[in-house]
Amino acid sequence: MTQPRSILPLLKAPITDITDTSLTISIGALYGAPTTIRVSVPTGHYDLRNGDMVTLYTEVLLKGPIE
């Protein structure tokens, strides 16, 4: 049996550039520390546009019952 996981949202950020092979999101610009993250993925199958908000998240294992 697999151990249950939970999705832990990390941040929401707008898409600032999109091509056929990648999308770029921008974080921190409002706080004076602009950073971009480029995700290499064929984007032709997704309904994405500049300005769309996307969520970065991770999955974490859930603990068993605490005794």
N, C-alpha and C. Protein backbone atom coordinates (compact mmCIF):
# COMPACT_ATOMS: atom_id res chain seq x y z
N MET A 1 0.84 -1.18 0.00
CA MET A 1 0.00 0.00 0.00
C MET A 1 0.89 1.25 0.00
N THR A 2 0.51 2.24 -0.80
CA THR A 2 1.31 3.46 -0.85
C THR A 2 0.91 4.40 0.27
N GLN A 3 1.90 5.16 0.71
CA GLN A 3 1.65 6.12 1.78
C GLN A 3 0.93 7.34 1.21
N PRO A 4 -0.11 7.83 1.90
CA PRO A 4 -0.86 8.99 1.39
C PRO A 4 0.04 10.23 1.28
N ARG A 5 -0.25 11.05 0.27
CA ARG A 5 0.48 12.29 0.05
C ARG A 5 -0.49 13.46 0.06
N SER A 6 0.05 14.60 0.35
CA SER A 6 -0.73 15.83 0.31
C SER A 6 -0.03 16.81 -0.62
N ILE A 7 -0.81 17.62 -1.33
CA ILE A 7 -0.26 18.66 -2.19
C ILE A 7 -0.06 19.91 -1.34
N LEU A 8 1.16 20.45 -1.37
CA LEU A 8 1.52 21.63 -0.61
C LEU A 8 1.82 22.78 -1.58
N PRO A 9 0.87 23.72 -1.76
CA PRO A 9 1.11 24.83 -2.69
C PRO A 9 2.26 25.71 -2.19
N LEU A 10 3.15 26.10 -3.09
CA LEU A 10 4.29 26.94 -2.73
C LEU A 10 4.07 28.39 -3.11
N LEU A 11 3.61 28.65 -4.34
CA LEU A 11 3.36 30.02 -4.77
C LEU A 11 2.53 30.03 -6.04
N LYS A 12 1.92 31.18 -6.28
CA LYS A 12 1.23 31.43 -7.54
C LYS A 12 2.00 32.54 -8.24
N ALA A 13 2.17 32.38 -9.56
CA ALA A 13 2.93 33.38 -10.32
C ALA A 13 2.38 33.45 -11.74
N PRO A 14 2.52 34.63 -12.36
CA PRO A 14 2.01 34.78 -13.73
C PRO A 14 3.00 34.24 -14.76
N ILE A 15 2.44 33.74 -15.86
CA ILE A 15 3.27 33.39 -17.02
C ILE A 15 3.64 34.70 -17.69
N THR A 16 4.94 34.90 -17.93
CA THR A 16 5.40 36.14 -18.57
C THR A 16 5.88 35.92 -19.99
N ASP A 17 6.14 34.68 -20.37
CA ASP A 17 6.56 34.37 -21.74
C ASP A 17 6.19 32.93 -22.03
N ILE A 18 5.69 32.68 -23.22
CA ILE A 18 5.33 31.32 -23.60
C ILE A 18 5.74 31.10 -25.05
N THR A 19 6.38 29.95 -25.29
CA THR A 19 6.78 29.56 -26.64
C THR A 19 6.23 28.16 -26.88
N ASP A 20 6.55 27.57 -28.01
CA ASP A 20 6.11 26.22 -28.31
C ASP A 20 6.78 25.18 -27.42
N THR A 21 7.92 25.53 -26.84
CA THR A 21 8.70 24.55 -26.07
C THR A 21 8.91 24.89 -24.60
N SER A 22 8.45 26.07 -24.17
CA SER A 22 8.67 26.42 -22.76
C SER A 22 7.71 27.52 -22.32
N LEU A 23 7.62 27.68 -21.01
CA LEU A 23 6.91 28.81 -20.43
C LEU A 23 7.79 29.38 -19.34
N THR A 24 7.66 30.69 -19.14
CA THR A 24 8.45 31.38 -18.13
C THR A 24 7.49 32.04 -17.16
N ILE A 25 7.77 31.88 -15.86
CA ILE A 25 6.98 32.58 -14.84
C ILE A 25 7.90 33.53 -14.11
N SER A 26 7.33 34.60 -13.58
CA SER A 26 8.10 35.63 -12.91
C SER A 26 7.62 35.76 -11.47
N ILE A 27 8.58 35.78 -10.55
CA ILE A 27 8.23 35.94 -9.13
C ILE A 27 9.11 37.03 -8.52
N GLY A 28 8.63 37.67 -7.48
CA GLY A 28 9.43 38.62 -6.72
C GLY A 28 9.55 40.01 -7.27
N ALA A 29 9.00 40.30 -8.45
CA ALA A 29 9.16 41.63 -9.04
C ALA A 29 8.55 42.72 -8.15
N LEU A 30 7.45 42.42 -7.49
CA LEU A 30 6.81 43.41 -6.62
C LEU A 30 7.65 43.75 -5.40
N TYR A 31 8.62 42.90 -5.07
CA TYR A 31 9.43 43.09 -3.87
C TYR A 31 10.86 43.49 -4.19
N GLY A 32 11.12 43.89 -5.45
CA GLY A 32 12.44 44.35 -5.83
C GLY A 32 13.45 43.26 -6.09
N ALA A 33 13.01 42.01 -6.17
CA ALA A 33 13.93 40.89 -6.42
C ALA A 33 13.36 40.01 -7.52
N PRO A 34 13.30 40.54 -8.76
CA PRO A 34 12.70 39.75 -9.83
C PRO A 34 13.49 38.49 -10.15
N THR A 35 12.78 37.39 -10.23
CA THR A 35 13.36 36.09 -10.56
C THR A 35 12.44 35.43 -11.57
N THR A 36 13.01 34.72 -12.52
CA THR A 36 12.19 33.99 -13.47
C THR A 36 12.52 32.51 -13.41
N ILE A 37 11.53 31.71 -13.71
CA ILE A 37 11.69 30.27 -13.79
C ILE A 37 11.18 29.84 -15.16
N ARG A 38 12.03 29.16 -15.92
CA ARG A 38 11.62 28.65 -17.23
C ARG A 38 11.37 27.15 -17.11
N VAL A 39 10.21 26.72 -17.57
CA VAL A 39 9.84 25.32 -17.56
C VAL A 39 9.82 24.84 -19.01
N SER A 40 10.68 23.87 -19.32
CA SER A 40 10.72 23.31 -20.67
C SER A 40 9.66 22.24 -20.79
N VAL A 41 8.65 22.52 -21.58
CA VAL A 41 7.53 21.61 -21.78
C VAL A 41 6.86 21.97 -23.10
N PRO A 42 6.49 20.97 -23.90
CA PRO A 42 5.73 21.31 -25.12
C PRO A 42 4.39 21.93 -24.72
N THR A 43 4.18 23.17 -25.05
CA THR A 43 3.00 23.89 -24.56
C THR A 43 1.80 23.81 -25.49
N GLY A 44 1.94 23.18 -26.64
CA GLY A 44 0.87 23.15 -27.63
C GLY A 44 -0.40 22.47 -27.17
N HIS A 45 -0.34 21.61 -26.18
CA HIS A 45 -1.51 20.88 -25.71
C HIS A 45 -2.25 21.59 -24.56
N TYR A 46 -1.69 22.70 -24.10
CA TYR A 46 -2.25 23.38 -22.94
C TYR A 46 -2.88 24.70 -23.34
N ASP A 47 -3.95 25.07 -22.67
CA ASP A 47 -4.61 26.36 -22.90
C ASP A 47 -3.97 27.38 -21.97
N LEU A 48 -2.78 27.86 -22.35
CA LEU A 48 -2.02 28.82 -21.54
C LEU A 48 -1.77 30.08 -22.34
N ARG A 49 -1.78 31.22 -21.63
CA ARG A 49 -1.52 32.51 -22.25
C ARG A 49 -0.66 33.36 -21.31
N ASN A 50 0.02 34.35 -21.88
CA ASN A 50 0.75 35.30 -21.05
C ASN A 50 -0.22 35.92 -20.04
N GLY A 51 0.23 36.04 -18.81
CA GLY A 51 -0.60 36.62 -17.76
C GLY A 51 -1.38 35.60 -16.96
N ASP A 52 -1.55 34.37 -17.47
CA ASP A 52 -2.23 33.33 -16.69
C ASP A 52 -1.45 33.05 -15.40
N MET A 53 -2.17 32.86 -14.32
CA MET A 53 -1.54 32.51 -13.05
C MET A 53 -1.41 30.99 -12.96
N VAL A 54 -0.22 30.53 -12.61
CA VAL A 54 0.01 29.10 -12.41
C VAL A 54 0.50 28.88 -10.98
N THR A 55 0.31 27.68 -10.48
CA THR A 55 0.69 27.34 -9.12
C THR A 55 1.87 26.39 -9.13
N LEU A 56 2.90 26.71 -8.36
CA LEU A 56 3.99 25.77 -8.11
C LEU A 56 3.67 25.06 -6.81
N TYR A 57 3.85 23.75 -6.81
CA TYR A 57 3.54 22.99 -5.61
C TYR A 57 4.48 21.81 -5.49
N THR A 58 4.48 21.21 -4.32
CA THR A 58 5.21 19.98 -4.10
C THR A 58 4.25 19.00 -3.43
N GLU A 59 4.63 17.74 -3.42
CA GLU A 59 3.85 16.73 -2.72
C GLU A 59 4.66 16.25 -1.53
N VAL A 60 4.00 16.08 -0.40
CA VAL A 60 4.67 15.60 0.81
C VAL A 60 3.93 14.39 1.36
N LEU A 61 4.67 13.49 1.96
CA LEU A 61 4.06 12.33 2.59
C LEU A 61 3.32 12.76 3.85
N LEU A 62 2.20 12.12 4.13
CA LEU A 62 1.45 12.38 5.36
C LEU A 62 1.95 11.42 6.44
N LYS A 63 2.01 11.93 7.65
CA LYS A 63 2.40 11.09 8.79
C LYS A 63 1.26 10.14 9.14
N GLY A 64 1.62 9.05 9.73
CA GLY A 64 0.59 8.13 10.24
C GLY A 64 0.00 8.71 11.51
N PRO A 65 -0.92 7.99 12.12
CA PRO A 65 -1.53 8.47 13.36
C PRO A 65 -0.47 8.68 14.44
N ILE A 66 -0.59 9.76 15.18
CA ILE A 66 0.34 10.04 16.30
C ILE A 66 -0.25 9.42 17.56
N GLU A 67 0.55 8.60 18.20
CA GLU A 67 0.05 7.90 19.40
C GLU A 67 0.60 8.50 20.66
